[in-house]
Amino acid sequence: MDVEDPALMRRLLLLLVLLFAGRAHAHIGSPNVIYEGLAGPYPVRVIVRPPGVVPGQAEISVRLLKGSADRVTVLPVRYDTGSKGSPAPDVARPVKGEASLYSAELWLMTSGAHSIFVNVEGIAGKGTTIVPINSVATTRLEMPKWYGAALLAFGIFLAVSLVTIVGSAVRESMLRPGEVVRRKRPALISMGIAVIVLSLLLFGGRKWWNSVDSDYRNNRLYKPEQVGASIRHEGGQQILRVERLDGPRGRPRLIPDHGKLMHLFLVRTPGQDAFAHLHPEHKEAHIYESVLPELPDGEYRLYADVTQESGFTQTLTARVIVPTREAVSATAQLSDTDDSWLAKDGQGSSVRSMELSGGLKAEWLSGTASFSANRESSLSFRIVDTNGTPAVLEPYLGMQGHAVIEARDGSVFTHLHPFGNISMASQQRFVERERKNRQNLEVLCGLPNKGDSIVFPYEFPRPGAYRIWVQVKVAGEIRTAVFDTTVSDKSTGALAARL
């Protein structure tokens, strides 16, 4: 590709964006929301499995990680109404055979940014936490063919029965006992009129249904905001330019999450052997730019995590070609001190650890476990020095650590924190708005650190091969470790973990 022709590059890359962006959503291919935090004095893990259609029922699971509760309730709240404009909360029922696990189903009636208020009552008192979610229609439910055939047969039976009833009513309803039928002609005319009227009703019904279906496809089905990406050479450096394009509802204003307006990830395909976590600067309007680190050339999948001022979150996607650096390229001066990258395929000898710079080692404590799709799990890691002593971790973007998970084929992508995969900025947005109704509401994002280990709660959405990047900050330097895992579709499936 001719990098000296930016217009041509943008047109070609935009074509790739349009082909790839259809799956863009908050956390690609991983729709379930998982959160660990405190509901007052109660540590809880909340999993929200949103419906694929709106209106639809979301499944809510609340697991008490410590202690017990007398009552657990859940309440869906729209970003623009607050809890005062919401219905009464639903009671989450205990799940048989599971200690301290409660379940409920909630109707989400409208699209947009929502949150689930989780209230826990017990011997320790009352507590509340707020879990932000997106309520969007992401699929169109198809009617099973056998069910459609059955409805068609039943409809034909009803139509024939209706016409027959009309004919019988005109022909025989006014007969005296023993009188011979003589109104055959009026009966046939009435049946003909009934057929015409019924046909018009069916035609009108079909037209109305197609109109509703078209409105759902065009206006209600979630369409992600599009993003364009291009790379140019400037001053011996490569500059990545990301532009938010016009979406179906414009380009809403963004708010910072972990102090950044955009968290951008690059993964080289197909090998997943190069990775970058960047934070582009907001240049003008809807344009963001970042100096690229010294990544190898090739095609990359691009993921941009953003949070809108309503609390609605998105992961915008594109593909970008990183060209070969110019011969006189200087060492990249990154745009943000929190930017990080790793250009190394994992080929270590240990299946559970990776050597890092500075004599450190990343250990995957849960690397010998078996993971299966659609089952809650914990991904546990530890950073140690040459003596095996746990390293002192510094806050990285306000967190103990970050994890990025991508399926080998790019069908799944998620950005994890020790408290789960929600946006902390979105949660705080809901808390600030709710304080207008409840002055004493306090919600702390996440749980206290789990000793010398970093634990990420997650639920793999489907079986297959995944790569996991774990990022921490030690002695002022961001370190990135990479591990692989294979997730089965059954709880007894095997897991392979290697560097």
Protein backbone atom coordinates (compact mmCIF):
# COMPACT_ATOMS: atom_id res chain seq x y z
CA MET A 1 0.00 0.00 0.00
CA ASP A 2 1.30 3.43 -0.89
CA VAL A 3 1.59 5.24 2.41
CA GLU A 4 2.40 8.44 0.54
CA ASP A 5 -1.20 8.58 -0.72
CA PRO A 6 -3.25 9.11 2.45
CA ALA A 7 -6.54 9.54 0.57
CA LEU A 8 -6.15 6.19 -1.19
CA MET A 9 -5.13 4.50 2.05
CA ARG A 10 -8.14 5.86 3.92
CA ARG A 11 -10.55 4.71 1.22
CA LEU A 12 -9.11 1.20 1.18
CA LEU A 13 -8.97 0.93 4.95
CA LEU A 14 -12.50 2.28 5.26
CA LEU A 15 -13.66 -0.59 3.05
CA LEU A 16 -12.04 -3.00 5.48
CA VAL A 17 -13.67 -1.19 8.37
CA LEU A 18 -17.13 -1.56 6.87
CA LEU A 19 -16.55 -5.26 6.34
CA PHE A 20 -15.24 -5.79 9.86
CA ALA A 21 -17.20 -3.29 11.95
CA GLY A 22 -20.49 -5.17 11.83
CA ARG A 23 -19.50 -7.04 14.97
CA ALA A 24 -18.42 -3.95 16.87
CA HIS A 25 -19.96 -3.78 20.31
CA ALA A 26 -18.76 -3.44 23.86
CA HIS A 27 -16.48 -6.47 24.17
CA ILE A 28 -16.60 -8.21 20.81
CA GLY A 29 -18.33 -11.60 20.88
CA SER A 30 -18.42 -11.54 24.68
CA PRO A 31 -21.78 -9.95 25.55
CA ASN A 32 -22.04 -11.08 29.18
CA VAL A 33 -21.16 -8.49 31.82
CA ILE A 34 -19.21 -9.69 34.85
CA TYR A 35 -18.44 -7.58 37.89
CA GLU A 36 -16.90 -8.15 41.31
CA GLY A 37 -17.42 -5.49 43.95
CA LEU A 38 -18.88 -4.59 47.31
CA ALA A 39 -22.61 -4.20 47.88
CA GLY A 40 -22.13 -2.41 51.17
CA PRO A 41 -20.49 -4.99 53.47
CA TYR A 42 -21.11 -7.88 51.06
CA PRO A 43 -18.54 -8.87 48.41
CA VAL A 44 -20.45 -10.07 45.36
CA ARG A 45 -19.87 -11.33 41.85
CA VAL A 46 -22.61 -10.24 39.46
CA ILE A 47 -23.05 -11.70 35.97
CA VAL A 48 -25.55 -10.13 33.58
CA ARG A 49 -26.45 -12.09 30.45
CA PRO A 50 -28.29 -9.54 28.30
CA PRO A 51 -30.91 -10.59 25.76
CA GLY A 52 -30.16 -10.41 22.05
CA VAL A 53 -33.41 -8.55 21.41
CA VAL A 54 -35.16 -5.55 22.97
CA PRO A 55 -37.60 -5.86 24.67
CA GLY A 56 -36.10 -9.01 26.15
CA GLN A 57 -35.23 -10.75 29.40
CA ALA A 58 -31.77 -10.46 30.91
CA GLU A 59 -30.51 -13.20 33.22
CA ILE A 60 -28.92 -11.92 36.43
CA SER A 61 -26.71 -14.03 38.70
CA VAL A 62 -25.56 -12.68 42.07
CA ARG A 63 -23.03 -14.74 44.00
CA LEU A 64 -22.05 -13.74 47.52
CA LEU A 65 -18.32 -14.31 47.81
CA LYS A 66 -18.45 -14.11 51.59
CA GLY A 67 -21.18 -14.25 54.20
CA SER A 68 -24.89 -14.83 53.65
CA ALA A 69 -27.95 -12.77 52.80
CA ASP A 70 -31.59 -12.80 53.77
CA ARG A 71 -32.77 -11.03 50.63
CA VAL A 72 -31.27 -10.05 47.26
CA THR A 73 -33.10 -7.80 44.80
CA VAL A 74 -32.18 -6.50 41.34
CA LEU A 75 -33.53 -3.48 39.49
CA PRO A 76 -32.92 -2.29 35.90
CA VAL A 77 -32.42 1.48 35.67
CA ARG A 78 -32.19 3.62 32.52
CA TYR A 79 -29.44 6.23 32.41
CA ASP A 80 -31.92 9.11 31.95
CA THR A 81 -34.60 8.16 34.50
CA GLY A 82 -32.86 6.94 37.65
CA SER A 83 -34.33 4.50 40.13
CA LYS A 84 -37.31 6.77 40.84
CA GLY A 85 -38.51 6.27 37.29
CA SER A 86 -38.08 2.49 37.45
CA PRO A 87 -40.45 -0.28 38.53
CA ALA A 88 -40.20 -2.10 41.83
CA PRO A 89 -37.11 -4.33 42.12
CA ASP A 90 -37.35 -8.06 41.47
CA VAL A 91 -36.37 -10.58 44.12
CA ALA A 92 -33.46 -12.82 43.14
CA ARG A 93 -34.17 -16.40 44.20
CA PRO A 94 -31.58 -18.79 45.70
CA VAL A 95 -30.31 -21.37 43.20
CA LYS A 96 -30.70 -24.93 44.39
CA GLY A 97 -27.45 -26.77 44.81
CA GLU A 98 -25.36 -23.57 44.72
CA ALA A 99 -24.35 -21.94 47.97
CA SER A 100 -24.85 -18.17 48.12
CA LEU A 101 -25.96 -17.92 44.48
CA TYR A 102 -29.10 -15.97 43.56
CA SER A 103 -30.77 -15.65 40.17
CA ALA A 104 -33.41 -13.43 38.57
CA GLU A 105 -34.70 -12.44 35.14
CA LEU A 106 -35.34 -8.81 34.30
CA TRP A 107 -37.13 -7.28 31.34
CA LEU A 108 -35.15 -4.64 29.46
CA MET A 109 -37.80 -2.70 27.57
CA THR A 110 -35.77 -0.02 25.79
CA SER A 111 -32.37 0.36 24.16
CA GLY A 112 -29.51 2.43 25.52
CA ALA A 113 -27.30 2.66 28.59
CA HIS A 114 -28.75 0.86 31.61
CA SER A 115 -27.52 -0.34 34.96
CA ILE A 116 -28.54 -3.11 37.31
CA PHE A 117 -28.96 -2.05 40.93
CA VAL A 118 -28.09 -5.02 43.17
CA ASN A 119 -29.38 -4.71 46.74
CA VAL A 120 -28.32 -7.17 49.44
CA GLU A 121 -29.86 -7.41 52.92
CA GLY A 122 -28.61 -9.59 55.74
CA ILE A 123 -27.28 -9.73 59.25
CA ALA A 124 -24.54 -7.25 58.35
CA GLY A 125 -27.08 -4.69 57.16
CA LYS A 126 -27.99 -3.42 53.70
CA GLY A 127 -25.77 -2.74 50.73
CA THR A 128 -26.07 -1.66 47.09
CA THR A 129 -23.86 -1.88 44.06
CA ILE A 130 -24.45 -0.71 40.50
CA VAL A 131 -23.49 -2.71 37.40
CA PRO A 132 -23.64 -0.75 34.12
CA ILE A 133 -24.77 -2.61 31.00
CA ASN A 134 -25.75 -1.88 27.41
CA SER A 135 -29.31 -2.72 26.41
CA VAL A 136 -29.21 -3.20 22.65
CA ALA A 137 -30.79 -5.46 20.08
CA THR A 138 -27.96 -7.39 18.47
CA THR A 139 -29.87 -10.13 16.67
CA ARG A 140 -33.08 -10.88 14.81
CA LEU A 141 -34.75 -14.06 15.97
CA GLU A 142 -35.64 -16.37 13.11
CA MET A 143 -38.77 -18.48 13.30
CA PRO A 144 -38.03 -22.23 13.15
CA LYS A 145 -39.14 -23.71 9.83
CA TRP A 146 -41.24 -26.42 11.47
CA TYR A 147 -43.00 -23.81 13.59
CA GLY A 148 -43.67 -21.63 10.53
CA ALA A 149 -45.05 -24.60 8.61
CA ALA A 150 -47.34 -25.46 11.53
CA LEU A 151 -48.60 -21.87 11.75
CA LEU A 152 -49.17 -21.78 7.99
CA ALA A 153 -51.20 -25.02 8.08
CA PHE A 154 -53.21 -23.73 11.04
CA GLY A 155 -53.80 -20.40 9.28
CA ILE A 156 -55.05 -22.11 6.12
CA PHE A 157 -57.38 -24.25 8.26
CA LEU A 158 -58.77 -21.14 10.00
CA ALA A 159 -59.22 -19.26 6.70
CA VAL A 160 -61.06 -22.16 5.05
CA SER A 161 -63.18 -22.61 8.19
CA LEU A 162 -64.10 -18.92 8.23
CA VAL A 163 -65.18 -18.94 4.57
CA THR A 164 -67.16 -22.13 5.14
CA ILE A 165 -68.92 -20.64 8.17
CA VAL A 166 -69.91 -17.55 6.15
CA GLY A 167 -71.35 -19.76 3.39
CA SER A 168 -73.24 -21.94 5.84
CA ALA A 169 -74.63 -18.92 7.67
CA VAL A 170 -76.04 -17.40 4.48
CA ARG A 171 -77.28 -20.71 3.07
CA GLU A 172 -78.81 -22.38 6.09
CA SER A 173 -79.23 -19.96 9.01
CA MET A 174 -82.75 -18.83 7.95
CA LEU A 175 -84.20 -22.27 7.07
CA ARG A 176 -87.30 -23.55 8.83
CA PRO A 177 -87.35 -27.14 10.04
CA GLY A 178 -87.66 -29.52 7.08
CA GLU A 179 -87.20 -26.77 4.44
CA VAL A 180 -85.02 -27.58 1.41
CA VAL A 181 -81.88 -25.45 0.88
CA ARG A 182 -82.52 -22.90 -1.88
CA ARG A 183 -79.99 -20.08 -1.11
CA LYS A 184 -76.94 -21.63 -2.79
CA ARG A 185 -76.21 -18.64 -5.06
CA PRO A 186 -76.23 -16.00 -2.25
CA ALA A 187 -74.07 -18.35 -0.20
CA LEU A 188 -71.47 -18.61 -3.00
CA ILE A 189 -71.47 -14.82 -3.44
CA SER A 190 -71.00 -14.33 0.33
CA MET A 191 -68.14 -16.83 0.37
CA GLY A 192 -66.50 -14.98 -2.52
CA ILE A 193 -66.80 -11.67 -0.65
CA ALA A 194 -65.39 -13.35 2.47
CA VAL A 195 -62.39 -14.58 0.46
CA ILE A 196 -61.76 -11.06 -0.87
CA VAL A 197 -62.08 -9.43 2.55
CA LEU A 198 -59.89 -12.07 4.17
CA SER A 199 -57.27 -11.68 1.43
CA LEU A 200 -57.20 -7.90 1.97
CA LEU A 201 -56.81 -8.40 5.72
CA LEU A 202 -53.97 -10.86 5.21
CA PHE A 203 -52.30 -8.54 2.69
CA GLY A 204 -52.59 -5.60 5.09
CA GLY A 205 -51.29 -7.71 7.96
CA ARG A 206 -48.31 -8.86 5.94
CA LYS A 207 -47.54 -5.29 4.88
CA TRP A 208 -47.74 -4.12 8.49
CA TRP A 209 -45.49 -6.96 9.65
CA ASN A 210 -42.90 -6.21 6.94
CA SER A 211 -42.97 -2.55 8.00
CA VAL A 212 -42.34 -3.48 11.63
CA ASP A 213 -39.54 -5.85 10.60
CA SER A 214 -37.96 -3.18 8.40
CA ASP A 215 -38.10 -0.65 11.24
CA TYR A 216 -36.44 -3.19 13.55
CA ARG A 217 -33.67 -3.91 11.05
CA ASN A 218 -33.01 -0.27 10.18
CA ASN A 219 -33.70 1.60 13.40
CA ARG A 220 -33.79 -0.75 16.37
CA LEU A 221 -31.09 -3.30 15.57
CA TYR A 222 -27.80 -2.12 17.04
CA LYS A 223 -25.46 -0.53 14.52
CA PRO A 224 -22.06 0.34 15.94
CA GLU A 225 -20.34 3.62 15.43
CA GLN A 226 -17.84 3.29 12.61
CA VAL A 227 -14.19 4.17 12.89
CA GLY A 228 -11.53 4.73 10.24
CA ALA A 229 -7.82 4.12 10.77
CA SER A 230 -4.73 5.09 8.78
CA ILE A 231 -0.98 5.39 9.32
CA ARG A 232 1.40 8.06 8.05
CA HIS A 233 5.13 8.74 8.38
CA GLU A 234 6.07 11.97 10.13
CA GLY A 235 9.43 13.01 11.53
CA GLY A 236 10.82 9.50 11.36
CA GLN A 237 7.83 8.11 13.25
CA GLN A 238 4.64 6.29 12.35
CA ILE A 239 1.48 8.10 13.40
CA LEU A 240 -1.73 6.14 13.81
CA ARG A 241 -4.80 8.25 13.07
CA VAL A 242 -8.20 7.06 14.29
CA GLU A 243 -11.34 8.90 13.22
CA ARG A 244 -14.83 8.34 14.56
CA LEU A 245 -17.14 8.41 11.58
CA ASP A 246 -20.80 9.35 11.52
CA GLY A 247 -22.88 6.64 13.17
CA PRO A 248 -26.64 6.03 13.11
CA ARG A 249 -27.01 8.44 16.06
CA GLY A 250 -24.12 10.76 15.38
CA ARG A 251 -20.93 10.80 17.42
CA PRO A 252 -21.78 11.26 21.12
CA ARG A 253 -19.30 12.96 23.42
CA LEU A 254 -16.85 10.67 25.19
CA ILE A 255 -15.84 10.71 28.85
CA PRO A 256 -12.52 9.46 30.27
CA ASP A 257 -12.26 5.95 31.66
CA HIS A 258 -9.16 5.35 33.79
CA GLY A 259 -8.14 8.86 32.79
CA LYS A 260 -8.15 8.16 29.03
CA LEU A 261 -10.75 9.01 26.40
CA MET A 262 -9.78 5.98 24.33
CA HIS A 263 -8.07 2.70 25.12
CA LEU A 264 -6.79 1.33 21.83
CA PHE A 265 -5.45 -2.18 21.23
CA LEU A 266 -3.62 -3.55 18.21
CA VAL A 267 -3.15 -7.28 17.58
CA ARG A 268 -1.25 -8.57 14.57
CA THR A 269 -3.09 -11.19 12.58
CA PRO A 270 -3.07 -14.09 12.08
CA GLY A 271 -0.25 -14.97 14.48
CA GLN A 272 -1.20 -12.70 17.41
CA ASP A 273 2.55 -12.23 17.78
CA ALA A 274 2.51 -8.45 18.23
CA PHE A 275 0.36 -6.46 20.65
CA ALA A 276 0.01 -2.82 21.66
CA HIS A 277 -2.08 -0.98 24.25
CA LEU A 278 -2.20 2.73 23.32
CA HIS A 279 -4.03 5.86 24.39
CA PRO A 280 -4.40 8.24 21.43
CA GLU A 281 -4.51 11.98 21.94
CA HIS A 282 -7.70 13.83 21.04
CA LYS A 283 -6.52 16.14 18.26
CA GLU A 284 -9.64 17.76 16.83
CA ALA A 285 -13.35 17.04 16.44
CA HIS A 286 -13.52 13.23 16.33
CA ILE A 287 -9.89 12.55 15.41
CA TYR A 288 -7.40 10.78 17.69
CA GLU A 289 -3.72 10.17 17.02
CA SER A 290 -0.99 8.10 18.60
CA VAL A 291 2.68 7.47 17.87
CA LEU A 292 3.12 3.81 17.04
CA PRO A 293 5.73 1.85 18.96
CA GLU A 294 8.22 -0.26 17.02
CA LEU A 295 5.75 -2.89 15.92
CA PRO A 296 6.56 -5.31 13.08
CA ASP A 297 4.80 -4.59 9.80
CA GLY A 298 1.68 -6.49 8.83
CA GLU A 299 -2.08 -6.46 9.21
CA TYR A 300 -3.52 -5.67 12.63
CA ARG A 301 -6.93 -5.91 14.21
CA LEU A 302 -7.74 -2.63 15.96
CA TYR A 303 -10.03 -2.35 18.99
CA ALA A 304 -10.92 1.01 20.58
CA ASP A 305 -12.73 1.01 23.95
CA VAL A 306 -14.73 4.20 24.55
CA THR A 307 -17.39 5.36 27.02
CA GLN A 308 -20.09 7.87 26.05
CA GLU A 309 -21.37 10.52 28.45
CA SER A 310 -24.61 8.53 28.86
CA GLY A 311 -22.59 5.60 30.22
CA PHE A 312 -23.01 3.59 27.00
CA THR A 313 -19.80 1.74 26.14
CA GLN A 314 -18.50 0.52 22.80
CA THR A 315 -15.56 -1.38 21.41
CA LEU A 316 -15.01 0.08 17.94
CA THR A 317 -13.16 -2.10 15.47
CA ALA A 318 -11.17 -1.74 12.29
CA ARG A 319 -8.22 -3.25 10.49
CA VAL A 320 -5.05 -1.38 9.72
CA ILE A 321 -1.89 -2.17 7.76
CA VAL A 322 1.33 -1.25 9.58
CA PRO A 323 3.88 -0.62 6.81
CA THR A 324 7.60 -1.29 7.00
CA ARG A 325 9.41 1.51 8.78
CA GLU A 326 11.50 3.91 6.77
CA ALA A 327 15.24 3.24 6.80
CA VAL A 328 15.97 6.40 8.79
CA SER A 329 13.17 5.88 11.30
CA ALA A 330 13.99 7.19 14.73
CA THR A 331 13.09 5.52 17.99
CA ALA A 332 9.43 6.18 18.63
CA GLN A 333 8.63 8.78 21.29
CA LEU A 334 5.28 7.51 22.51
CA SER A 335 2.36 9.88 22.87
CA ASP A 336 1.44 8.61 26.34
CA THR A 337 3.63 7.31 29.14
CA ASP A 338 1.06 4.57 29.78
CA ASP A 339 1.41 3.15 26.26
CA SER A 340 2.86 -0.35 26.07
CA TRP A 341 3.51 -3.11 23.55
CA LEU A 342 4.96 -6.57 23.06
CA ALA A 343 6.31 -7.96 19.81
CA LYS A 344 7.13 -11.55 20.66
CA ASP A 345 5.47 -14.86 19.96
CA GLY A 346 5.22 -17.08 23.01
CA GLN A 347 7.62 -20.01 22.67
CA GLY A 348 8.85 -20.58 26.22
CA SER A 349 9.67 -23.87 27.89
CA SER A 350 7.26 -23.46 30.78
CA VAL A 351 3.53 -23.85 30.32
CA ARG A 352 2.69 -21.61 33.27
CA SER A 353 5.27 -18.80 33.36
CA MET A 354 6.98 -16.19 31.23
CA GLU A 355 10.25 -14.34 31.75
CA LEU A 356 9.86 -10.55 31.86
CA SER A 357 12.42 -7.75 31.75
CA GLY A 358 14.32 -6.84 34.91
CA GLY A 359 14.58 -10.44 36.08
CA LEU A 360 10.86 -10.72 36.74
CA LYS A 361 8.64 -13.65 35.95
CA ALA A 362 4.89 -13.84 35.33
CA GLU A 363 3.21 -16.97 36.69
CA TRP A 364 -0.22 -18.14 35.65
CA LEU A 365 -1.55 -19.68 38.86
CA SER A 366 -4.71 -21.00 37.22
CA GLY A 367 -2.88 -22.19 34.12
CA THR A 368 -3.47 -25.87 34.91
CA ALA A 369 -7.21 -25.46 35.43
CA SER A 370 -9.85 -26.52 32.93
CA PHE A 371 -11.99 -23.77 31.46
CA SER A 372 -15.25 -24.34 29.67
CA ALA A 373 -17.49 -21.98 27.74
CA ASN A 374 -20.26 -20.05 29.50
CA ARG A 375 -19.03 -20.90 33.00
CA GLU A 376 -17.77 -18.27 35.42
CA SER A 377 -14.09 -18.61 36.20
CA SER A 378 -11.13 -16.77 37.71
CA LEU A 379 -7.87 -16.08 35.87
CA SER A 380 -5.16 -15.78 38.51
CA PHE A 381 -1.59 -14.48 37.93
CA ARG A 382 1.42 -13.48 40.01
CA ILE A 383 4.58 -11.47 39.30
CA VAL A 384 7.73 -12.61 41.14
CA ASP A 385 11.40 -11.61 41.14
CA THR A 386 14.43 -13.85 40.66
CA ASN A 387 14.13 -15.10 44.26
CA GLY A 388 10.49 -16.02 43.85
CA THR A 389 9.39 -13.10 46.02
CA PRO A 390 6.19 -11.36 44.88
CA ALA A 391 7.03 -8.13 43.08
CA VAL A 392 5.70 -4.79 44.30
CA LEU A 393 2.99 -3.82 41.81
CA GLU A 394 2.34 -0.16 41.14
CA PRO A 395 -1.09 1.06 39.99
CA TYR A 396 -1.36 0.88 36.21
CA LEU A 397 -4.15 3.20 35.06
CA GLY A 398 -5.53 3.02 38.57
CA MET A 399 -5.68 -0.79 38.55
CA GLN A 400 -3.57 -3.59 39.97
CA GLY A 401 -3.34 -4.98 36.46
CA HIS A 402 -5.08 -5.30 33.10
CA ALA A 403 -5.83 -8.31 30.92
CA VAL A 404 -6.79 -8.49 27.26
CA ILE A 405 -8.34 -11.66 25.82
CA GLU A 406 -8.75 -12.37 22.11
CA ALA A 407 -9.89 -15.51 20.33
CA ARG A 408 -7.46 -16.79 17.72
CA ASP A 409 -9.85 -15.90 14.90
CA GLY A 410 -10.70 -12.47 16.34
CA SER A 411 -14.32 -13.41 17.01
CA VAL A 412 -13.95 -12.61 20.73
CA PHE A 413 -12.22 -9.64 22.34
CA THR A 414 -12.50 -8.30 25.86
CA HIS A 415 -10.58 -5.94 28.13
CA LEU A 416 -10.58 -7.13 31.74
CA HIS A 417 -9.80 -5.62 35.12
CA PRO A 418 -9.70 -7.28 38.53
CA PHE A 419 -13.28 -6.06 39.04
CA GLY A 420 -14.52 -7.48 35.70
CA ASN A 421 -15.25 -6.05 32.28
CA ILE A 422 -17.41 -3.03 33.07
CA SER A 423 -16.43 0.60 32.49
CA MET A 424 -15.58 2.25 35.80
CA ALA A 425 -16.47 5.63 34.28
CA SER A 426 -19.89 4.33 33.31
CA GLN A 427 -20.50 3.02 36.82
CA GLN A 428 -19.50 6.33 38.39
CA ARG A 429 -21.78 8.15 35.94
CA PHE A 430 -24.76 6.17 37.22
CA VAL A 431 -23.71 6.68 40.84
CA GLU A 432 -23.48 10.46 40.39
CA ARG A 433 -26.94 10.64 38.83
CA GLU A 434 -28.47 8.41 41.50
CA ARG A 435 -27.08 10.58 44.30
CA LYS A 436 -29.76 13.12 43.36
CA ASN A 437 -32.27 10.57 44.72
CA ARG A 438 -30.13 8.90 47.39
CA GLN A 439 -27.66 11.27 48.99
CA ASN A 440 -25.88 8.57 51.01
CA LEU A 441 -25.20 6.22 48.08
CA GLU A 442 -21.58 5.09 47.90
CA VAL A 443 -20.31 2.50 45.44
CA LEU A 444 -16.68 1.38 45.47
CA CYS A 445 -15.54 -0.17 42.21
CA GLY A 446 -14.04 -3.60 42.73
CA LEU A 447 -12.79 -5.58 45.71
CA PRO A 448 -9.57 -5.23 47.71
CA ASN A 449 -6.51 -6.75 46.06
CA LYS A 450 -6.22 -10.52 46.56
CA GLY A 451 -2.84 -10.66 48.24
CA ASP A 452 0.14 -11.00 45.92
CA SER A 453 -1.92 -12.36 43.02
CA ILE A 454 -3.95 -10.62 40.31
CA VAL A 455 -7.33 -12.24 39.70
CA PHE A 456 -9.60 -11.46 36.76
CA PRO A 457 -13.18 -12.79 36.80
CA TYR A 458 -14.36 -13.89 33.36
CA GLU A 459 -16.72 -16.16 31.47
CA PHE A 460 -15.41 -17.43 28.14
CA PRO A 461 -18.32 -17.09 25.69
CA ARG A 462 -17.47 -20.00 23.38
CA PRO A 463 -15.03 -22.89 23.00
CA GLY A 464 -11.82 -22.42 21.07
CA ALA A 465 -8.26 -21.11 21.28
CA TYR A 466 -7.58 -17.82 23.07
CA ARG A 467 -4.57 -15.64 23.75
CA ILE A 468 -4.33 -13.64 26.98
CA TRP A 469 -2.10 -10.60 27.55
CA VAL A 470 -1.55 -9.59 31.20
CA GLN A 471 -0.16 -6.13 31.96
CA VAL A 472 1.25 -4.80 35.22
CA LYS A 473 3.51 -1.95 36.29
CA VAL A 474 6.69 -2.63 38.29
CA ALA A 475 9.42 -0.07 39.08
CA GLY A 476 7.82 2.45 36.76
CA GLU A 477 7.84 0.09 33.75
CA ILE A 478 4.84 -1.62 32.18
CA ARG A 479 5.42 -5.35 31.73
CA THR A 480 3.34 -7.53 29.42
CA ALA A 481 3.05 -11.31 29.65
CA VAL A 482 1.24 -13.52 27.14
CA PHE A 483 -0.40 -16.92 27.65
CA ASP A 484 -2.54 -19.22 25.53
CA THR A 485 -5.46 -21.38 26.51
CA THR A 486 -7.96 -23.68 24.82
CA VAL A 487 -11.51 -23.56 26.16
CA SER A 488 -13.77 -26.58 25.85
CA ASP A 489 -17.52 -26.71 25.48
CA LYS A 490 -17.80 -29.05 28.47
CA SER A 491 -16.62 -28.68 32.03
CA THR A 492 -14.47 -31.78 31.66
CA GLY A 493 -12.65 -30.48 28.61
CA ALA A 494 -8.91 -30.11 28.63
CA LEU A 495 -6.99 -26.85 28.74
CA ALA A 496 -3.60 -26.26 27.20
CA ALA A 497 -1.59 -23.32 28.47
CA ARG A 498 1.74 -22.34 27.02
CA LEU A 499 3.89 -19.28 26.67
